[in-house]
């Protein structure tokens, strides 16, 4: 029967693009653990974006073979930095492990810039978001 449908002949292989991940603040214990895990996972699946926010600018940090520039989230225009990173790294996801006092402001920044994020930091005022 020529009209029979053979699923095995229709198989295709689609490779998804590697997911760019920005880890804020990767200078802390949990943020560093996430950054290390991203690098260890392999660039074919995900990769660490070479920029991160912290409460203050800090010296660059090496994570595996990636040197990450640590920018102050309080200096300049962090929204413009996010927009630039989204353009340079399509599909960008932010993982936030900063400080409880920064949770609401950081979440507001991500939402205002239509930036997907995972908030790993505990604390903040969930009712005000």
N, C-alpha and C. Protein backbone atom coordinates (compact mmCIF):
# COMPACT_ATOMS: atom_id res chain seq x y z
N UNK A 1 0.85 -1.17 0.00
CA UNK A 1 0.00 0.00 0.00
C UNK A 1 0.89 1.24 0.00
N UNK A 2 0.82 2.02 -1.04
CA UNK A 2 1.65 3.21 -1.17
C UNK A 2 1.21 4.35 -0.26
N UNK A 3 0.01 4.25 0.29
CA UNK A 3 -0.50 5.31 1.17
C UNK A 3 -0.12 5.09 2.63
N UNK A 4 0.53 4.00 2.94
CA UNK A 4 0.91 3.77 4.34
C UNK A 4 1.97 4.77 4.76
N UNK A 5 1.93 5.16 6.00
CA UNK A 5 2.83 6.16 6.55
C UNK A 5 3.89 5.47 7.38
N UNK A 6 5.13 5.63 7.01
CA UNK A 6 6.23 4.99 7.72
C UNK A 6 6.95 6.05 8.56
N UNK A 7 6.74 6.02 9.87
CA UNK A 7 7.36 7.02 10.76
C UNK A 7 8.88 6.94 10.74
N UNK A 8 9.43 5.78 10.53
CA UNK A 8 10.87 5.63 10.58
C UNK A 8 11.57 6.38 9.45
N UNK A 9 10.93 6.51 8.33
CA UNK A 9 11.53 7.23 7.21
C UNK A 9 11.43 8.74 7.37
N UNK A 10 10.65 9.19 8.32
CA UNK A 10 10.42 10.62 8.50
C UNK A 10 11.30 11.21 9.61
N UNK A 11 12.18 10.42 10.18
CA UNK A 11 12.98 10.94 11.29
C UNK A 11 13.98 11.97 10.79
N UNK A 12 14.13 13.03 11.57
CA UNK A 12 15.10 14.07 11.27
C UNK A 12 15.83 14.39 12.57
N UNK A 13 16.99 14.91 12.43
CA UNK A 13 17.76 15.32 13.59
C UNK A 13 17.83 16.83 13.60
N UNK A 14 17.37 17.41 14.69
CA UNK A 14 17.40 18.86 14.83
C UNK A 14 18.27 19.19 16.03
N UNK A 15 19.28 19.96 15.82
CA UNK A 15 20.14 20.39 16.92
C UNK A 15 19.67 21.75 17.39
N UNK A 16 19.35 21.84 18.66
CA UNK A 16 18.96 23.12 19.23
C UNK A 16 20.21 23.95 19.47
N UNK A 17 20.05 25.25 19.38
CA UNK A 17 21.18 26.14 19.65
C UNK A 17 21.52 26.09 21.14
N UNK A 18 22.79 26.28 21.44
CA UNK A 18 23.23 26.30 22.84
C UNK A 18 22.58 27.50 23.54
N UNK A 19 22.19 27.31 24.79
CA UNK A 19 21.51 28.34 25.56
C UNK A 19 22.54 29.22 26.29
N UNK A 20 22.49 30.53 26.03
CA UNK A 20 23.39 31.43 26.75
C UNK A 20 22.84 31.72 28.15
N UNK A 21 23.71 31.60 29.15
CA UNK A 21 23.28 31.80 30.54
C UNK A 21 24.16 32.85 31.20
N UNK A 22 23.51 33.86 31.75
CA UNK A 22 24.17 34.92 32.50
C UNK A 22 23.91 34.63 33.97
N UNK A 23 24.97 34.54 34.79
CA UNK A 23 24.80 34.24 36.21
C UNK A 23 25.15 35.48 37.03
N UNK A 24 24.16 36.02 37.73
CA UNK A 24 24.33 37.19 38.60
C UNK A 24 24.11 36.73 40.04
N UNK A 25 24.87 36.88 40.96
CA UNK A 25 26.25 37.29 41.08
C UNK A 25 27.08 36.03 41.21
N UNK A 26 27.92 35.78 40.24
CA UNK A 26 28.68 34.53 40.25
C UNK A 26 29.88 34.58 41.19
N UNK A 27 30.07 35.69 41.91
CA UNK A 27 31.15 35.74 42.88
C UNK A 27 30.73 35.15 44.23
N UNK A 28 29.45 34.86 44.40
CA UNK A 28 28.96 34.20 45.61
C UNK A 28 29.02 32.69 45.46
N UNK A 29 28.78 31.99 46.55
CA UNK A 29 28.91 30.52 46.57
C UNK A 29 27.95 29.84 45.59
N UNK A 30 26.67 30.17 45.64
CA UNK A 30 25.70 29.51 44.76
C UNK A 30 25.85 29.95 43.31
N UNK A 31 26.06 31.24 43.11
CA UNK A 31 26.26 31.73 41.74
C UNK A 31 27.46 31.08 41.09
N UNK A 32 28.53 30.92 41.86
CA UNK A 32 29.73 30.27 41.32
C UNK A 32 29.45 28.81 40.99
N UNK A 33 28.69 28.13 41.86
CA UNK A 33 28.37 26.72 41.60
C UNK A 33 27.57 26.59 40.30
N UNK A 34 26.63 27.50 40.07
CA UNK A 34 25.85 27.47 38.83
C UNK A 34 26.74 27.76 37.63
N UNK A 35 27.60 28.76 37.74
CA UNK A 35 28.52 29.10 36.64
C UNK A 35 29.43 27.93 36.32
N UNK A 36 29.96 27.28 37.35
CA UNK A 36 30.81 26.10 37.12
C UNK A 36 30.03 24.99 36.41
N UNK A 37 28.78 24.79 36.82
CA UNK A 37 27.95 23.75 36.21
C UNK A 37 27.66 24.07 34.74
N UNK A 38 27.42 25.34 34.43
CA UNK A 38 27.17 25.74 33.05
C UNK A 38 28.38 25.43 32.18
N UNK A 39 29.56 25.81 32.65
CA UNK A 39 30.78 25.57 31.87
C UNK A 39 31.04 24.07 31.73
N UNK A 40 30.83 23.33 32.82
CA UNK A 40 31.07 21.88 32.79
C UNK A 40 30.10 21.16 31.86
N UNK A 41 28.91 21.68 31.71
CA UNK A 41 27.88 21.03 30.88
C UNK A 41 28.30 20.94 29.43
N UNK A 42 29.00 21.96 28.96
CA UNK A 42 29.49 21.91 27.58
C UNK A 42 28.80 22.91 26.69
N UNK A 43 29.58 23.57 25.86
CA UNK A 43 29.09 24.64 25.01
C UNK A 43 28.12 24.18 23.93
N UNK A 44 28.02 22.87 23.71
CA UNK A 44 27.04 22.41 22.74
C UNK A 44 25.62 22.48 23.31
N UNK A 45 25.49 22.56 24.64
CA UNK A 45 24.18 22.62 25.30
C UNK A 45 23.89 24.01 25.82
N UNK A 46 24.87 24.60 26.51
CA UNK A 46 24.71 25.93 27.08
C UNK A 46 26.10 26.54 27.24
N UNK A 47 26.13 27.85 27.40
CA UNK A 47 27.41 28.50 27.62
C UNK A 47 27.24 29.69 28.55
N UNK A 48 28.32 30.01 29.25
CA UNK A 48 28.32 31.11 30.20
C UNK A 48 28.60 32.41 29.46
N UNK A 49 27.70 33.37 29.63
CA UNK A 49 27.88 34.69 29.02
C UNK A 49 29.01 35.39 29.79
N UNK A 50 29.93 36.05 29.08
CA UNK A 50 31.10 36.62 29.75
C UNK A 50 30.86 37.95 30.45
N UNK A 51 29.64 38.18 30.90
CA UNK A 51 29.28 39.39 31.65
C UNK A 51 28.35 38.96 32.77
N UNK A 52 28.53 39.56 33.96
CA UNK A 52 27.63 39.29 35.09
C UNK A 52 27.45 40.58 35.88
N UNK A 53 26.32 40.70 36.54
CA UNK A 53 26.07 41.83 37.43
C UNK A 53 26.37 41.42 38.86
N UNK A 54 26.80 42.42 39.63
CA UNK A 54 26.99 42.28 41.07
C UNK A 54 26.58 43.63 41.66
N UNK A 55 26.56 43.72 42.98
CA UNK A 55 26.22 44.99 43.62
C UNK A 55 27.25 46.06 43.33
N UNK A 56 28.47 45.64 43.08
CA UNK A 56 29.54 46.58 42.73
C UNK A 56 30.44 45.93 41.69
N UNK A 57 31.10 46.77 40.92
CA UNK A 57 32.04 46.24 39.93
C UNK A 57 33.17 45.53 40.65
N UNK A 58 33.63 44.42 40.07
CA UNK A 58 34.69 43.62 40.66
C UNK A 58 35.66 43.22 39.56
N UNK A 59 36.80 42.71 39.96
CA UNK A 59 37.76 42.20 38.98
C UNK A 59 37.13 41.05 38.21
N UNK A 60 37.52 40.88 36.95
CA UNK A 60 37.00 39.74 36.17
C UNK A 60 37.26 38.42 36.88
N UNK A 61 36.37 37.46 36.65
CA UNK A 61 36.46 36.14 37.28
C UNK A 61 36.59 35.09 36.17
N UNK A 62 37.52 34.16 36.35
CA UNK A 62 37.67 33.07 35.40
C UNK A 62 36.85 31.87 35.86
N UNK A 63 36.02 31.37 34.96
CA UNK A 63 35.23 30.16 35.22
C UNK A 63 35.56 29.22 34.07
N UNK A 64 36.34 28.19 34.36
CA UNK A 64 36.82 27.34 33.28
C UNK A 64 37.61 28.18 32.30
N UNK A 65 37.24 28.12 31.03
CA UNK A 65 37.94 28.91 30.02
C UNK A 65 37.23 30.22 29.69
N UNK A 66 36.27 30.63 30.53
CA UNK A 66 35.52 31.86 30.31
C UNK A 66 35.94 32.91 31.33
N UNK A 67 36.32 34.09 30.86
CA UNK A 67 36.60 35.21 31.74
C UNK A 67 35.36 36.10 31.76
N UNK A 68 34.80 36.28 32.94
CA UNK A 68 33.54 37.00 33.10
C UNK A 68 33.80 38.39 33.67
N UNK A 69 33.34 39.42 32.96
CA UNK A 69 33.45 40.80 33.40
C UNK A 69 32.33 41.05 34.41
N UNK A 70 32.68 41.48 35.63
CA UNK A 70 31.70 41.70 36.69
C UNK A 70 31.36 43.20 36.73
N UNK A 71 30.13 43.54 36.33
CA UNK A 71 29.68 44.93 36.28
C UNK A 71 28.77 45.24 37.46
N UNK A 72 28.82 46.49 37.91
CA UNK A 72 27.89 46.92 38.96
C UNK A 72 26.51 47.11 38.36
N UNK A 73 25.52 46.52 39.00
CA UNK A 73 24.14 46.69 38.54
C UNK A 73 23.64 48.10 38.85
N UNK A 74 24.38 48.81 39.70
CA UNK A 74 23.98 50.17 40.12
C UNK A 74 24.57 51.25 39.22
N UNK A 75 25.57 50.92 38.42
CA UNK A 75 26.26 51.92 37.59
C UNK A 75 25.69 51.92 36.17
N UNK A 76 25.61 53.09 35.61
CA UNK A 76 25.19 53.19 34.22
C UNK A 76 23.76 52.73 34.02
N UNK A 77 23.52 52.06 32.92
CA UNK A 77 22.18 51.62 32.54
C UNK A 77 22.16 50.09 32.38
N UNK A 78 21.84 49.36 33.46
CA UNK A 78 21.85 47.90 33.36
C UNK A 78 20.84 47.37 32.34
N UNK A 79 19.75 48.10 32.13
CA UNK A 79 18.78 47.69 31.12
C UNK A 79 19.39 47.69 29.73
N UNK A 80 20.22 48.70 29.43
CA UNK A 80 20.88 48.77 28.13
C UNK A 80 21.87 47.61 27.97
N UNK A 81 22.53 47.24 29.07
CA UNK A 81 23.46 46.11 29.02
C UNK A 81 22.69 44.83 28.72
N UNK A 82 21.54 44.64 29.39
CA UNK A 82 20.73 43.44 29.14
C UNK A 82 20.27 43.41 27.68
N UNK A 83 19.79 44.54 27.17
CA UNK A 83 19.35 44.58 25.78
C UNK A 83 20.48 44.23 24.82
N UNK A 84 21.68 44.74 25.09
CA UNK A 84 22.83 44.43 24.26
C UNK A 84 23.17 42.94 24.33
N UNK A 85 23.16 42.39 25.54
CA UNK A 85 23.46 40.96 25.70
C UNK A 85 22.41 40.09 25.01
N UNK A 86 21.14 40.49 25.07
CA UNK A 86 20.08 39.73 24.40
C UNK A 86 20.31 39.73 22.88
N UNK A 87 20.80 40.83 22.36
CA UNK A 87 21.08 40.92 20.93
C UNK A 87 22.28 40.05 20.55
N UNK A 88 23.32 40.09 21.40
CA UNK A 88 24.53 39.31 21.14
C UNK A 88 24.35 37.82 21.41
N UNK A 89 23.45 37.50 22.34
CA UNK A 89 23.25 36.11 22.78
C UNK A 89 21.76 35.76 22.75
N UNK A 90 21.20 35.53 21.56
CA UNK A 90 19.77 35.21 21.46
C UNK A 90 19.40 34.01 22.33
N UNK A 91 18.27 34.12 23.02
CA UNK A 91 17.82 33.05 23.91
C UNK A 91 18.38 33.17 25.31
N UNK A 92 18.99 34.31 25.62
CA UNK A 92 19.62 34.54 26.92
C UNK A 92 18.68 34.26 28.08
N UNK A 93 19.21 33.55 29.08
CA UNK A 93 18.51 33.32 30.34
C UNK A 93 19.42 33.82 31.45
N UNK A 94 18.83 34.56 32.40
CA UNK A 94 19.56 35.05 33.56
C UNK A 94 19.23 34.17 34.75
N UNK A 95 20.27 33.77 35.48
CA UNK A 95 20.11 33.07 36.76
C UNK A 95 20.63 34.03 37.81
N UNK A 96 19.78 34.38 38.77
CA UNK A 96 20.12 35.41 39.76
C UNK A 96 20.35 34.80 41.14
N UNK A 97 21.57 34.92 41.62
CA UNK A 97 21.94 34.53 42.99
C UNK A 97 22.65 35.72 43.62
N UNK A 98 21.91 36.79 43.84
CA UNK A 98 22.51 37.99 44.40
C UNK A 98 22.21 38.06 45.90
N UNK A 99 21.62 39.12 46.36
CA UNK A 99 21.32 39.30 47.79
C UNK A 99 19.83 39.51 47.99
N UNK A 100 19.29 39.08 49.15
CA UNK A 100 17.86 39.29 49.40
C UNK A 100 17.41 40.73 49.21
N UNK A 101 18.23 41.68 49.58
CA UNK A 101 17.86 43.09 49.44
C UNK A 101 17.75 43.52 47.97
N UNK A 102 18.34 42.75 47.07
CA UNK A 102 18.34 43.11 45.65
C UNK A 102 17.27 42.37 44.84
N UNK A 103 16.58 41.42 45.45
CA UNK A 103 15.63 40.57 44.72
C UNK A 103 14.59 41.39 43.96
N UNK A 104 13.91 42.29 44.63
CA UNK A 104 12.82 43.02 43.97
C UNK A 104 13.32 43.93 42.85
N UNK A 105 14.39 44.67 43.11
CA UNK A 105 14.92 45.56 42.08
C UNK A 105 15.44 44.77 40.88
N UNK A 106 16.10 43.65 41.14
CA UNK A 106 16.61 42.83 40.03
C UNK A 106 15.46 42.23 39.23
N UNK A 107 14.46 41.69 39.91
CA UNK A 107 13.30 41.12 39.21
C UNK A 107 12.62 42.19 38.37
N UNK A 108 12.47 43.40 38.92
CA UNK A 108 11.84 44.50 38.17
C UNK A 108 12.67 44.84 36.92
N UNK A 109 13.99 44.83 37.05
CA UNK A 109 14.87 45.09 35.91
C UNK A 109 14.67 44.04 34.82
N UNK A 110 14.64 42.78 35.20
CA UNK A 110 14.48 41.71 34.22
C UNK A 110 13.12 41.79 33.54
N UNK A 111 12.08 42.02 34.33
CA UNK A 111 10.72 42.10 33.76
C UNK A 111 10.60 43.31 32.82
N UNK A 112 11.14 44.45 33.23
CA UNK A 112 11.06 45.67 32.41
C UNK A 112 11.76 45.48 31.07
N UNK A 113 12.74 44.58 31.02
CA UNK A 113 13.48 44.34 29.79
C UNK A 113 13.08 43.03 29.11
N UNK A 114 11.94 42.48 29.51
CA UNK A 114 11.41 41.25 28.91
C UNK A 114 12.48 40.16 28.88
N UNK A 115 13.20 40.05 30.00
CA UNK A 115 14.31 39.11 30.10
C UNK A 115 13.92 37.89 30.93
N UNK A 116 13.88 36.69 30.32
CA UNK A 116 13.61 35.48 31.10
C UNK A 116 14.68 35.30 32.19
N UNK A 117 14.23 34.94 33.39
CA UNK A 117 15.18 34.77 34.48
C UNK A 117 14.71 33.72 35.47
N UNK A 118 15.67 33.21 36.23
CA UNK A 118 15.42 32.30 37.33
C UNK A 118 15.95 33.00 38.57
N UNK A 119 15.10 33.22 39.56
CA UNK A 119 15.52 33.88 40.78
C UNK A 119 15.87 32.81 41.80
N UNK A 120 17.17 32.62 42.02
CA UNK A 120 17.63 31.64 42.99
C UNK A 120 17.85 32.23 44.35
N UNK A 121 17.83 33.56 44.43
CA UNK A 121 18.04 34.26 45.68
C UNK A 121 16.78 34.17 46.53
N UNK A 122 16.96 33.86 47.81
CA UNK A 122 15.81 33.86 48.72
C UNK A 122 15.64 35.24 49.30
N UNK A 123 14.41 35.56 49.70
CA UNK A 123 14.14 36.85 50.30
C UNK A 123 13.35 37.72 49.34
N UNK A 124 13.32 38.99 49.66
CA UNK A 124 12.56 39.94 48.87
C UNK A 124 11.12 39.96 49.31
N UNK A 125 10.36 40.85 48.71
CA UNK A 125 8.94 41.02 49.03
C UNK A 125 8.14 40.57 47.81
N UNK A 126 7.73 39.30 47.82
CA UNK A 126 7.01 38.75 46.67
C UNK A 126 5.69 39.47 46.40
N UNK A 127 5.11 40.04 47.43
CA UNK A 127 3.84 40.74 47.28
C UNK A 127 3.97 42.04 46.49
N UNK A 128 5.16 42.60 46.42
CA UNK A 128 5.32 43.87 45.72
C UNK A 128 5.74 43.68 44.27
N UNK A 129 5.92 42.46 43.83
CA UNK A 129 6.36 42.22 42.45
C UNK A 129 5.20 42.23 41.48
